[in-house]
Each structure stands twice: as structure tokens, then as C-alpha cells.
Amino acid sequence: MRPAFLFKRESASEQRRIFGGRFLPGPVARPDLLPFLPDVPGLTVQALHTDDAAQAYRLAVHSAGARGAFNLAADPVVDIGLLAEMLGLRPVRLPRTAARSAVAAAWGLRLLPASPHLFDAVLRLPLMDCSRARTELGWRPEYTATEVLQEFLDGLRHGAGADTAPMRGRKVG
């Protein structure tokens, strides 16, 4: 299985810690703190709810003829226009080099745990065609990418996290 970026409400705190660091929740949880949303050319990703990914795995295991790789993603493709609409922000074009320089500076100052190389990798991600999973497995995601991101953003706003042993008792807000 080749799933898109996986999200759910309970993963919000952990994903924020891994990719955004301690300074991310403010602007994302409170979009009114941002005057605009940077629009970096080519920055598009695909998203999927973890439940929908699990359903695809279940269908593949129970399908006698399932062989090879299956791409998994929900529609629509996530771009800055969609995020700006969801957050009620105005997109402002920012050249890739300026965005990467900002990420590199934040990473170098230990303000951001994700390296600029991850930013580079995301910009190179291809958009996946998921028709084979739909046709051969009969898989259809229950959640749209917009619904997945709304659930995730709600999790960020409320410090949601799964009750895993290493994180038990730690709420990040």
C-alpha cells in the first residue's frame, strides 16, 4: 500500500511535535494570528484518514487476486487554495527559494524539527492515481481530504493525542 499523508484527530499532537515543533500550534490552531498563508508554487499533497487506509488493507487481505502496489488517497488534492479557504486566510505567493530559506533558518535555530530536506521532498511528491485500488479492491475512502484535514485541525486546536504509553499524561497545547 502506498498511502497519502495519513491524518486523524488523535494524531494531531504527535504530528505537530514531529513536523511543526512547539511554535506551530498557535497559527494553525488560531488562523486569525496569521495575516496570510504562504503560497509556494508546486506545494500540493494528498491526504487520507487512517480508517480509510485500514479499510484498504482489510480489502486487500481478503481479496484473493490482490497483487502489487495500491495507491491510496482521498479527493480533493490539497493545495494552498484549499487550505486558505479552510483557514479563512488569503494566499500570498512565496517563491520556493524564500520558503526553503525560511524553513532552513527555522530548522537551524531549532525552532522547527523538520529539516529543509523534508520540504524539498514534499515539493517533489507526485500526485497518485488511486483508480486501481478503487477498481480492483472496491475501495472508496469514507472521508474526503477536506474532512480529514478539518478533523486534524480540530485535533490541533484541542491538543488531541492518542493514549500511547510514551505520551500518556502529556498534552501539548
N, C-alpha and C. Protein backbone atom coordinates (compact mmCIF):
# COMPACT_ATOMS: atom_id res chain seq x y z
N MET A 1 0.85 -1.18 0.00
CA MET A 1 0.00 0.00 0.00
C MET A 1 0.89 1.24 0.00
N ARG A 2 0.48 2.21 -0.77
CA ARG A 2 1.18 3.49 -0.82
C ARG A 2 0.18 4.58 -0.45
N PRO A 3 0.02 4.81 0.86
CA PRO A 3 -0.97 5.81 1.28
C PRO A 3 -0.42 7.23 1.18
N ALA A 4 -1.35 8.16 1.01
CA ALA A 4 -1.03 9.58 1.07
C ALA A 4 -0.68 9.91 2.52
N PHE A 5 -0.49 11.19 2.82
CA PHE A 5 -0.24 11.59 4.21
C PHE A 5 -1.44 11.18 5.04
N LEU A 6 -1.18 10.46 6.12
CA LEU A 6 -2.24 9.93 6.97
C LEU A 6 -2.53 10.88 8.13
N PHE A 7 -3.81 11.15 8.34
CA PHE A 7 -4.24 12.03 9.41
C PHE A 7 -5.44 11.45 10.13
N LYS A 8 -5.59 11.86 11.37
CA LYS A 8 -6.81 11.67 12.16
C LYS A 8 -6.69 12.60 13.35
N ARG A 9 -7.77 12.82 14.02
CA ARG A 9 -7.80 13.76 15.15
C ARG A 9 -6.75 13.37 16.20
N GLU A 10 -6.69 12.08 16.53
CA GLU A 10 -5.81 11.63 17.60
C GLU A 10 -4.33 11.71 17.26
N SER A 11 -3.98 11.94 16.02
CA SER A 11 -2.57 12.04 15.65
C SER A 11 -2.06 13.48 15.69
N ALA A 12 -2.93 14.42 15.96
CA ALA A 12 -2.59 15.84 15.85
C ALA A 12 -1.39 16.25 16.70
N SER A 13 -1.40 15.93 17.97
CA SER A 13 -0.30 16.36 18.85
C SER A 13 1.03 15.75 18.43
N GLU A 14 1.01 14.46 18.10
CA GLU A 14 2.26 13.81 17.72
C GLU A 14 2.79 14.36 16.41
N GLN A 15 1.93 14.52 15.42
CA GLN A 15 2.39 15.05 14.13
C GLN A 15 2.88 16.49 14.27
N ARG A 16 2.22 17.26 15.12
CA ARG A 16 2.68 18.63 15.36
C ARG A 16 4.07 18.62 15.97
N ARG A 17 4.32 17.74 16.93
CA ARG A 17 5.64 17.66 17.56
C ARG A 17 6.71 17.23 16.56
N ILE A 18 6.40 16.26 15.72
CA ILE A 18 7.38 15.72 14.78
C ILE A 18 7.71 16.72 13.68
N PHE A 19 6.69 17.37 13.12
CA PHE A 19 6.90 18.19 11.93
C PHE A 19 6.89 19.69 12.18
N GLY A 20 6.11 20.14 13.14
CA GLY A 20 5.95 21.57 13.32
C GLY A 20 6.65 22.18 14.51
N GLY A 21 6.88 21.39 15.51
CA GLY A 21 7.54 21.93 16.70
C GLY A 21 6.60 22.72 17.59
N ARG A 22 7.16 23.32 18.59
CA ARG A 22 6.36 23.98 19.62
C ARG A 22 5.70 25.26 19.15
N PHE A 23 6.15 25.83 18.04
CA PHE A 23 5.59 27.11 17.60
C PHE A 23 4.46 26.95 16.58
N LEU A 24 4.22 25.76 16.09
CA LEU A 24 3.18 25.57 15.08
C LEU A 24 1.76 25.71 15.60
N PRO A 25 1.42 25.21 16.78
CA PRO A 25 0.01 25.19 17.13
C PRO A 25 -0.66 26.55 17.15
N GLY A 26 0.05 27.59 17.56
CA GLY A 26 -0.57 28.91 17.62
C GLY A 26 -1.23 29.32 16.31
N PRO A 27 -0.45 29.46 15.23
CA PRO A 27 -1.03 29.88 13.97
C PRO A 27 -2.05 28.90 13.39
N VAL A 28 -1.77 27.60 13.50
CA VAL A 28 -2.71 26.64 12.92
C VAL A 28 -3.98 26.54 13.75
N ALA A 29 -3.82 26.53 15.06
CA ALA A 29 -4.99 26.46 15.93
C ALA A 29 -5.76 27.78 15.94
N ARG A 30 -5.05 28.88 15.71
CA ARG A 30 -5.67 30.21 15.67
C ARG A 30 -5.27 30.91 14.38
N PRO A 31 -5.94 30.56 13.27
CA PRO A 31 -5.55 31.17 11.99
C PRO A 31 -5.68 32.69 11.97
N ASP A 32 -6.46 33.24 12.90
CA ASP A 32 -6.59 34.70 12.95
C ASP A 32 -5.27 35.36 13.34
N LEU A 33 -4.29 34.59 13.82
CA LEU A 33 -2.98 35.13 14.16
C LEU A 33 -2.10 35.32 12.92
N LEU A 34 -2.49 34.70 11.81
CA LEU A 34 -1.71 34.82 10.57
C LEU A 34 -2.35 35.85 9.65
N PRO A 35 -1.56 36.73 9.07
CA PRO A 35 -2.13 37.70 8.12
C PRO A 35 -2.40 37.07 6.75
N PHE A 36 -1.68 35.98 6.42
CA PHE A 36 -1.83 35.33 5.12
C PHE A 36 -1.26 33.92 5.21
N LEU A 37 -1.47 33.16 4.14
CA LEU A 37 -0.92 31.81 4.06
C LEU A 37 0.07 31.77 2.90
N PRO A 38 1.33 31.40 3.15
CA PRO A 38 2.31 31.35 2.06
C PRO A 38 1.88 30.37 0.96
N ASP A 39 1.90 30.83 -0.27
CA ASP A 39 1.55 30.02 -1.43
C ASP A 39 2.82 29.70 -2.19
N VAL A 40 3.36 28.52 -1.94
CA VAL A 40 4.61 28.09 -2.56
C VAL A 40 4.28 27.31 -3.83
N PRO A 41 4.78 27.73 -4.98
CA PRO A 41 4.48 27.03 -6.24
C PRO A 41 4.83 25.54 -6.15
N GLY A 42 3.88 24.71 -6.57
CA GLY A 42 4.12 23.27 -6.60
C GLY A 42 3.84 22.55 -5.30
N LEU A 43 3.43 23.26 -4.27
CA LEU A 43 3.19 22.62 -2.98
C LEU A 43 1.77 22.05 -2.96
N THR A 44 1.66 20.80 -3.35
CA THR A 44 0.39 20.07 -3.31
C THR A 44 0.65 18.71 -2.70
N VAL A 45 -0.28 18.24 -1.92
CA VAL A 45 -0.16 16.92 -1.29
C VAL A 45 -1.51 16.21 -1.35
N GLN A 46 -1.49 14.96 -1.00
CA GLN A 46 -2.72 14.19 -0.88
C GLN A 46 -2.84 13.72 0.55
N ALA A 47 -4.07 13.58 1.00
CA ALA A 47 -4.33 13.21 2.39
C ALA A 47 -5.27 12.01 2.44
N LEU A 48 -5.24 11.32 3.56
CA LEU A 48 -6.08 10.14 3.76
C LEU A 48 -6.31 9.94 5.25
N HIS A 49 -7.50 9.54 5.60
CA HIS A 49 -7.80 9.20 7.00
C HIS A 49 -7.24 7.82 7.30
N THR A 50 -6.74 7.63 8.49
CA THR A 50 -6.18 6.33 8.86
C THR A 50 -7.22 5.21 8.77
N ASP A 51 -8.47 5.51 9.07
CA ASP A 51 -9.52 4.49 8.95
C ASP A 51 -9.69 4.03 7.51
N ASP A 52 -9.58 4.96 6.56
CA ASP A 52 -9.70 4.60 5.15
C ASP A 52 -8.51 3.77 4.69
N ALA A 53 -7.33 4.07 5.20
CA ALA A 53 -6.15 3.24 4.88
C ALA A 53 -6.34 1.84 5.44
N ALA A 54 -6.82 1.74 6.66
CA ALA A 54 -7.06 0.43 7.28
C ALA A 54 -8.07 -0.38 6.48
N GLN A 55 -9.10 0.29 5.98
CA GLN A 55 -10.11 -0.40 5.16
C GLN A 55 -9.48 -0.96 3.88
N ALA A 56 -8.58 -0.22 3.26
CA ALA A 56 -7.91 -0.71 2.05
C ALA A 56 -7.07 -1.94 2.35
N TYR A 57 -6.36 -1.93 3.47
CA TYR A 57 -5.57 -3.10 3.86
C TYR A 57 -6.49 -4.30 4.08
N ARG A 58 -7.62 -4.09 4.76
CA ARG A 58 -8.57 -5.18 5.01
C ARG A 58 -9.07 -5.75 3.69
N LEU A 59 -9.45 -4.88 2.76
CA LEU A 59 -9.94 -5.35 1.46
C LEU A 59 -8.87 -6.13 0.71
N ALA A 60 -7.63 -5.69 0.77
CA ALA A 60 -6.54 -6.39 0.07
C ALA A 60 -6.28 -7.76 0.66
N VAL A 61 -6.31 -7.85 1.98
CA VAL A 61 -6.06 -9.14 2.65
C VAL A 61 -7.15 -10.14 2.30
N HIS A 62 -8.37 -9.68 2.16
CA HIS A 62 -9.50 -10.58 1.88
C HIS A 62 -9.77 -10.74 0.40
N SER A 63 -8.95 -10.16 -0.45
CA SER A 63 -9.11 -10.29 -1.90
C SER A 63 -8.10 -11.31 -2.41
N ALA A 64 -8.59 -12.37 -2.99
CA ALA A 64 -7.70 -13.44 -3.46
C ALA A 64 -6.76 -12.97 -4.57
N GLY A 65 -7.19 -12.03 -5.37
CA GLY A 65 -6.37 -11.62 -6.50
C GLY A 65 -5.56 -10.36 -6.30
N ALA A 66 -5.51 -9.83 -5.10
CA ALA A 66 -4.79 -8.57 -4.86
C ALA A 66 -3.29 -8.80 -4.92
N ARG A 67 -2.65 -8.18 -5.90
CA ARG A 67 -1.20 -8.29 -6.06
C ARG A 67 -0.65 -6.92 -6.41
N GLY A 68 0.56 -6.64 -5.97
CA GLY A 68 1.22 -5.40 -6.34
C GLY A 68 0.83 -4.23 -5.46
N ALA A 69 1.24 -3.06 -5.89
CA ALA A 69 1.05 -1.85 -5.09
C ALA A 69 -0.29 -1.18 -5.40
N PHE A 70 -0.86 -0.58 -4.37
CA PHE A 70 -2.09 0.18 -4.50
C PHE A 70 -1.87 1.57 -3.92
N ASN A 71 -2.16 2.60 -4.70
CA ASN A 71 -2.09 3.97 -4.21
C ASN A 71 -3.38 4.30 -3.47
N LEU A 72 -3.25 5.03 -2.36
CA LEU A 72 -4.41 5.36 -1.54
C LEU A 72 -4.40 6.85 -1.21
N ALA A 73 -5.44 7.56 -1.63
CA ALA A 73 -5.59 8.98 -1.30
C ALA A 73 -7.05 9.37 -1.47
N ALA A 74 -7.46 10.35 -0.71
CA ALA A 74 -8.81 10.89 -0.83
C ALA A 74 -8.78 12.14 -1.69
N ASP A 75 -9.89 12.43 -2.32
CA ASP A 75 -10.05 13.68 -3.06
C ASP A 75 -10.60 14.74 -2.13
N PRO A 76 -10.34 16.00 -2.38
CA PRO A 76 -9.54 16.58 -3.45
C PRO A 76 -8.06 16.64 -3.07
N VAL A 77 -7.23 16.95 -4.07
CA VAL A 77 -5.81 17.20 -3.82
C VAL A 77 -5.72 18.45 -2.95
N VAL A 78 -4.82 18.43 -1.98
CA VAL A 78 -4.68 19.55 -1.04
C VAL A 78 -3.64 20.52 -1.59
N ASP A 79 -4.09 21.74 -1.83
CA ASP A 79 -3.19 22.80 -2.26
C ASP A 79 -3.43 24.02 -1.37
N ILE A 80 -2.68 25.07 -1.62
CA ILE A 80 -2.80 26.26 -0.78
C ILE A 80 -4.18 26.89 -0.89
N GLY A 81 -4.79 26.83 -2.06
CA GLY A 81 -6.13 27.37 -2.22
C GLY A 81 -7.13 26.71 -1.28
N LEU A 82 -7.06 25.38 -1.19
CA LEU A 82 -7.95 24.63 -0.30
C LEU A 82 -7.66 24.98 1.16
N LEU A 83 -6.37 24.99 1.53
CA LEU A 83 -6.01 25.32 2.92
C LEU A 83 -6.42 26.75 3.28
N ALA A 84 -6.20 27.68 2.36
CA ALA A 84 -6.56 29.08 2.62
C ALA A 84 -8.06 29.20 2.85
N GLU A 85 -8.83 28.49 2.04
CA GLU A 85 -10.29 28.51 2.20
C GLU A 85 -10.70 27.90 3.55
N MET A 86 -10.09 26.77 3.90
CA MET A 86 -10.41 26.10 5.17
C MET A 86 -10.08 26.99 6.37
N LEU A 87 -8.95 27.70 6.29
CA LEU A 87 -8.49 28.51 7.41
C LEU A 87 -8.98 29.96 7.35
N GLY A 88 -9.63 30.32 6.25
CA GLY A 88 -10.12 31.69 6.10
C GLY A 88 -8.99 32.69 5.93
N LEU A 89 -7.93 32.27 5.24
CA LEU A 89 -6.76 33.13 5.04
C LEU A 89 -6.56 33.46 3.57
N ARG A 90 -5.86 34.53 3.33
CA ARG A 90 -5.54 34.97 1.98
C ARG A 90 -4.20 34.35 1.58
N PRO A 91 -4.17 33.62 0.42
CA PRO A 91 -2.89 33.08 -0.04
C PRO A 91 -2.04 34.18 -0.66
N VAL A 92 -0.74 34.18 -0.33
CA VAL A 92 0.21 35.14 -0.89
C VAL A 92 1.39 34.35 -1.45
N ARG A 93 1.66 34.55 -2.73
CA ARG A 93 2.72 33.82 -3.43
C ARG A 93 4.07 34.05 -2.76
N LEU A 94 4.78 32.96 -2.49
CA LEU A 94 6.10 33.00 -1.90
C LEU A 94 7.00 32.09 -2.73
N PRO A 95 8.07 32.61 -3.30
CA PRO A 95 8.95 31.76 -4.12
C PRO A 95 9.49 30.58 -3.30
N ARG A 96 9.72 29.47 -4.00
CA ARG A 96 10.25 28.26 -3.34
C ARG A 96 11.53 28.56 -2.57
N THR A 97 12.42 29.33 -3.16
CA THR A 97 13.70 29.60 -2.51
C THR A 97 13.51 30.36 -1.20
N ALA A 98 12.58 31.30 -1.17
CA ALA A 98 12.31 32.05 0.06
C ALA A 98 11.69 31.14 1.11
N ALA A 99 10.75 30.28 0.69
CA ALA A 99 10.12 29.35 1.63
C ALA A 99 11.14 28.38 2.19
N ARG A 100 12.00 27.83 1.32
CA ARG A 100 13.01 26.88 1.78
C ARG A 100 14.00 27.56 2.71
N SER A 101 14.38 28.79 2.39
CA SER A 101 15.31 29.53 3.25
C SER A 101 14.70 29.75 4.64
N ALA A 102 13.41 30.05 4.69
CA ALA A 102 12.73 30.25 5.98
C ALA A 102 12.70 28.94 6.77
N VAL A 103 12.40 27.83 6.09
CA VAL A 103 12.39 26.51 6.76
C VAL A 103 13.79 26.17 7.24
N ALA A 104 14.81 26.41 6.40
CA ALA A 104 16.20 26.11 6.79
C ALA A 104 16.63 26.95 7.99
N ALA A 105 16.26 28.22 7.99
CA ALA A 105 16.62 29.09 9.12
C ALA A 105 15.94 28.62 10.40
N ALA A 106 14.65 28.30 10.31
CA ALA A 106 13.92 27.83 11.50
C ALA A 106 14.50 26.51 11.99
N TRP A 107 14.87 25.63 11.06
CA TRP A 107 15.46 24.35 11.44
C TRP A 107 16.83 24.58 12.09
N GLY A 108 17.63 25.45 11.49
CA GLY A 108 18.96 25.75 12.04
C GLY A 108 18.90 26.38 13.42
N LEU A 109 17.85 27.14 13.68
CA LEU A 109 17.67 27.77 15.00
C LEU A 109 16.95 26.85 15.99
N ARG A 110 16.68 25.65 15.55
CA ARG A 110 15.97 24.64 16.37
C ARG A 110 14.56 25.07 16.75
N LEU A 111 13.94 25.86 15.87
CA LEU A 111 12.55 26.25 16.06
C LEU A 111 11.60 25.30 15.34
N LEU A 112 12.14 24.54 14.41
CA LEU A 112 11.35 23.62 13.59
C LEU A 112 12.06 22.28 13.55
N PRO A 113 11.39 21.19 13.93
CA PRO A 113 12.06 19.89 13.95
C PRO A 113 12.21 19.26 12.56
N ALA A 114 11.44 19.71 11.58
CA ALA A 114 11.52 19.13 10.23
C ALA A 114 12.59 19.86 9.42
N SER A 115 13.47 19.08 8.82
CA SER A 115 14.59 19.67 8.08
C SER A 115 14.13 20.24 6.74
N PRO A 116 14.93 21.13 6.17
CA PRO A 116 14.58 21.65 4.85
C PRO A 116 14.59 20.57 3.78
N HIS A 117 15.26 19.46 4.03
CA HIS A 117 15.27 18.35 3.07
C HIS A 117 13.89 17.71 2.99
N LEU A 118 13.16 17.69 4.08
CA LEU A 118 11.79 17.19 4.05
C LEU A 118 10.92 18.11 3.19
N PHE A 119 11.12 19.41 3.32
CA PHE A 119 10.40 20.38 2.49
C PHE A 119 10.69 20.10 1.01
N ASP A 120 11.95 19.87 0.68
CA ASP A 120 12.33 19.56 -0.70
C ASP A 120 11.62 18.29 -1.18
N ALA A 121 11.58 17.28 -0.32
CA ALA A 121 10.96 16.01 -0.70
C ALA A 121 9.46 16.19 -0.95
N VAL A 122 8.80 16.95 -0.12
CA VAL A 122 7.36 17.18 -0.30
C VAL A 122 7.09 17.88 -1.63
N LEU A 123 7.95 18.81 -2.00
CA LEU A 123 7.77 19.51 -3.28
C LEU A 123 7.94 18.58 -4.48
N ARG A 124 8.62 17.47 -4.30
CA ARG A 124 8.85 16.53 -5.40
C ARG A 124 7.85 15.38 -5.43
N LEU A 125 6.94 15.33 -4.47
CA LEU A 125 5.99 14.22 -4.43
C LEU A 125 5.07 14.24 -5.65
N PRO A 126 4.90 13.10 -6.29
CA PRO A 126 3.94 13.04 -7.39
C PRO A 126 2.52 12.89 -6.85
N LEU A 127 1.55 13.27 -7.64
CA LEU A 127 0.16 13.01 -7.28
C LEU A 127 -0.17 11.59 -7.72
N MET A 128 -0.80 10.85 -6.83
CA MET A 128 -1.07 9.44 -7.10
C MET A 128 -2.43 9.24 -7.76
N ASP A 129 -2.47 8.27 -8.65
CA ASP A 129 -3.71 7.82 -9.26
C ASP A 129 -4.18 6.62 -8.44
N CYS A 130 -5.35 6.72 -7.84
CA CYS A 130 -5.85 5.67 -6.94
C CYS A 130 -6.91 4.79 -7.59
N SER A 131 -7.03 4.88 -8.90
CA SER A 131 -8.10 4.14 -9.58
C SER A 131 -7.94 2.62 -9.44
N ARG A 132 -6.72 2.13 -9.37
CA ARG A 132 -6.53 0.68 -9.25
C ARG A 132 -7.10 0.15 -7.92
N ALA A 133 -6.89 0.87 -6.84
CA ALA A 133 -7.46 0.44 -5.55
C ALA A 133 -8.99 0.47 -5.61
N ARG A 134 -9.52 1.45 -6.29
CA ARG A 134 -10.98 1.54 -6.42
C ARG A 134 -11.52 0.40 -7.29
N THR A 135 -10.85 0.14 -8.39
CA THR A 135 -11.33 -0.87 -9.34
C THR A 135 -11.12 -2.29 -8.83
N GLU A 136 -9.89 -2.61 -8.41
CA GLU A 136 -9.58 -4.00 -8.05
C GLU A 136 -9.99 -4.38 -6.63
N LEU A 137 -9.97 -3.42 -5.72
CA LEU A 137 -10.34 -3.73 -4.33
C LEU A 137 -11.75 -3.27 -3.98
N GLY A 138 -12.32 -2.41 -4.80
CA GLY A 138 -13.62 -1.83 -4.47
C GLY A 138 -13.50 -0.81 -3.34
N TRP A 139 -12.32 -0.25 -3.18
CA TRP A 139 -12.05 0.68 -2.08
C TRP A 139 -12.53 2.09 -2.42
N ARG A 140 -13.20 2.70 -1.48
CA ARG A 140 -13.63 4.10 -1.59
C ARG A 140 -13.42 4.74 -0.22
N PRO A 141 -12.65 5.83 -0.16
CA PRO A 141 -12.48 6.48 1.14
C PRO A 141 -13.79 7.07 1.64
N GLU A 142 -14.05 6.90 2.93
CA GLU A 142 -15.26 7.48 3.54
C GLU A 142 -15.10 8.97 3.78
N TYR A 143 -13.87 9.40 4.02
CA TYR A 143 -13.59 10.80 4.33
C TYR A 143 -12.97 11.48 3.13
N THR A 144 -13.40 12.69 2.82
CA THR A 144 -12.72 13.49 1.81
C THR A 144 -11.45 14.05 2.44
N ALA A 145 -10.54 14.50 1.61
CA ALA A 145 -9.31 15.11 2.14
C ALA A 145 -9.66 16.34 2.99
N THR A 146 -10.67 17.08 2.59
CA THR A 146 -11.10 18.25 3.36
C THR A 146 -11.60 17.84 4.74
N GLU A 147 -12.40 16.78 4.81
CA GLU A 147 -12.90 16.30 6.10
C GLU A 147 -11.76 15.80 6.98
N VAL A 148 -10.80 15.11 6.38
CA VAL A 148 -9.64 14.61 7.12
C VAL A 148 -8.87 15.77 7.74
N LEU A 149 -8.62 16.81 6.94
CA LEU A 149 -7.87 17.96 7.45
C LEU A 149 -8.66 18.74 8.49
N GLN A 150 -9.97 18.84 8.31
CA GLN A 150 -10.80 19.52 9.33
C GLN A 150 -10.69 18.79 10.66
N GLU A 151 -10.77 17.45 10.62
CA GLU A 151 -10.65 16.65 11.83
C GLU A 151 -9.28 16.84 12.47
N PHE A 152 -8.23 16.83 11.64
CA PHE A 152 -6.87 17.01 12.13
C PHE A 152 -6.69 18.40 12.75
N LEU A 153 -7.17 19.43 12.08
CA LEU A 153 -7.06 20.80 12.60
C LEU A 153 -7.81 20.95 13.92
N ASP A 154 -8.95 20.29 14.01
CA ASP A 154 -9.70 20.30 15.28
C ASP A 154 -8.86 19.63 16.37
N GLY A 155 -8.18 18.55 16.01
CA GLY A 155 -7.30 17.89 16.96
C GLY A 155 -6.15 18.79 17.41
N LEU A 156 -5.60 19.56 16.47
CA LEU A 156 -4.54 20.51 16.83
C LEU A 156 -5.06 21.58 17.79
N ARG A 157 -6.24 22.10 17.49
CA ARG A 157 -6.82 23.16 18.32
C ARG A 157 -7.08 22.69 19.75
N HIS A 158 -7.37 21.40 19.89
CA HIS A 158 -7.72 20.87 21.21
C HIS A 158 -6.62 20.00 21.83
N GLY A 159 -5.45 19.97 21.22
CA GLY A 159 -4.34 19.18 21.78
C GLY A 159 -4.62 17.70 21.81
N ALA A 160 -5.39 17.20 20.82
CA ALA A 160 -5.76 15.79 20.80
C ALA A 160 -4.54 14.91 20.56
N GLY A 161 -4.55 13.76 21.19
CA GLY A 161 -3.49 12.79 21.02
C GLY A 161 -3.96 11.42 21.45
N ALA A 162 -3.36 10.41 20.89
CA ALA A 162 -3.70 9.04 21.26
C ALA A 162 -3.06 8.72 22.61
N ASP A 163 -3.68 7.82 23.33
CA ASP A 163 -3.18 7.42 24.64
C ASP A 163 -2.16 6.30 24.48
N THR A 164 -1.00 6.67 23.95
CA THR A 164 0.07 5.71 23.79
C THR A 164 0.98 5.77 25.02
N ALA A 165 1.64 4.68 25.32
CA ALA A 165 2.45 4.61 26.53
C ALA A 165 3.44 5.76 26.67
N PRO A 166 4.23 6.08 25.63
CA PRO A 166 5.22 7.17 25.82
C PRO A 166 4.58 8.54 25.98
N MET A 167 3.35 8.74 25.51
CA MET A 167 2.73 10.05 25.54
C MET A 167 1.67 10.20 26.63
N ARG A 168 1.36 9.13 27.33
CA ARG A 168 0.30 9.13 28.33
C ARG A 168 0.55 10.24 29.35
N GLY A 169 -0.45 11.07 29.54
CA GLY A 169 -0.36 12.14 30.51
C GLY A 169 0.27 13.41 29.99
N ARG A 170 0.70 13.42 28.72
CA ARG A 170 1.35 14.61 28.15
C ARG A 170 0.41 15.24 27.12
N LYS A 171 -0.12 16.37 27.43
CA LYS A 171 -0.96 17.10 26.48
C LYS A 171 -0.18 18.30 26.00
N VAL A 172 -0.12 18.46 24.69
CA VAL A 172 0.58 19.59 24.12
C VAL A 172 -0.45 20.56 23.60
N GLY A 173 -0.36 21.79 24.02
CA GLY A 173 -1.37 22.77 23.58
C GLY A 173 -0.77 23.94 22.92
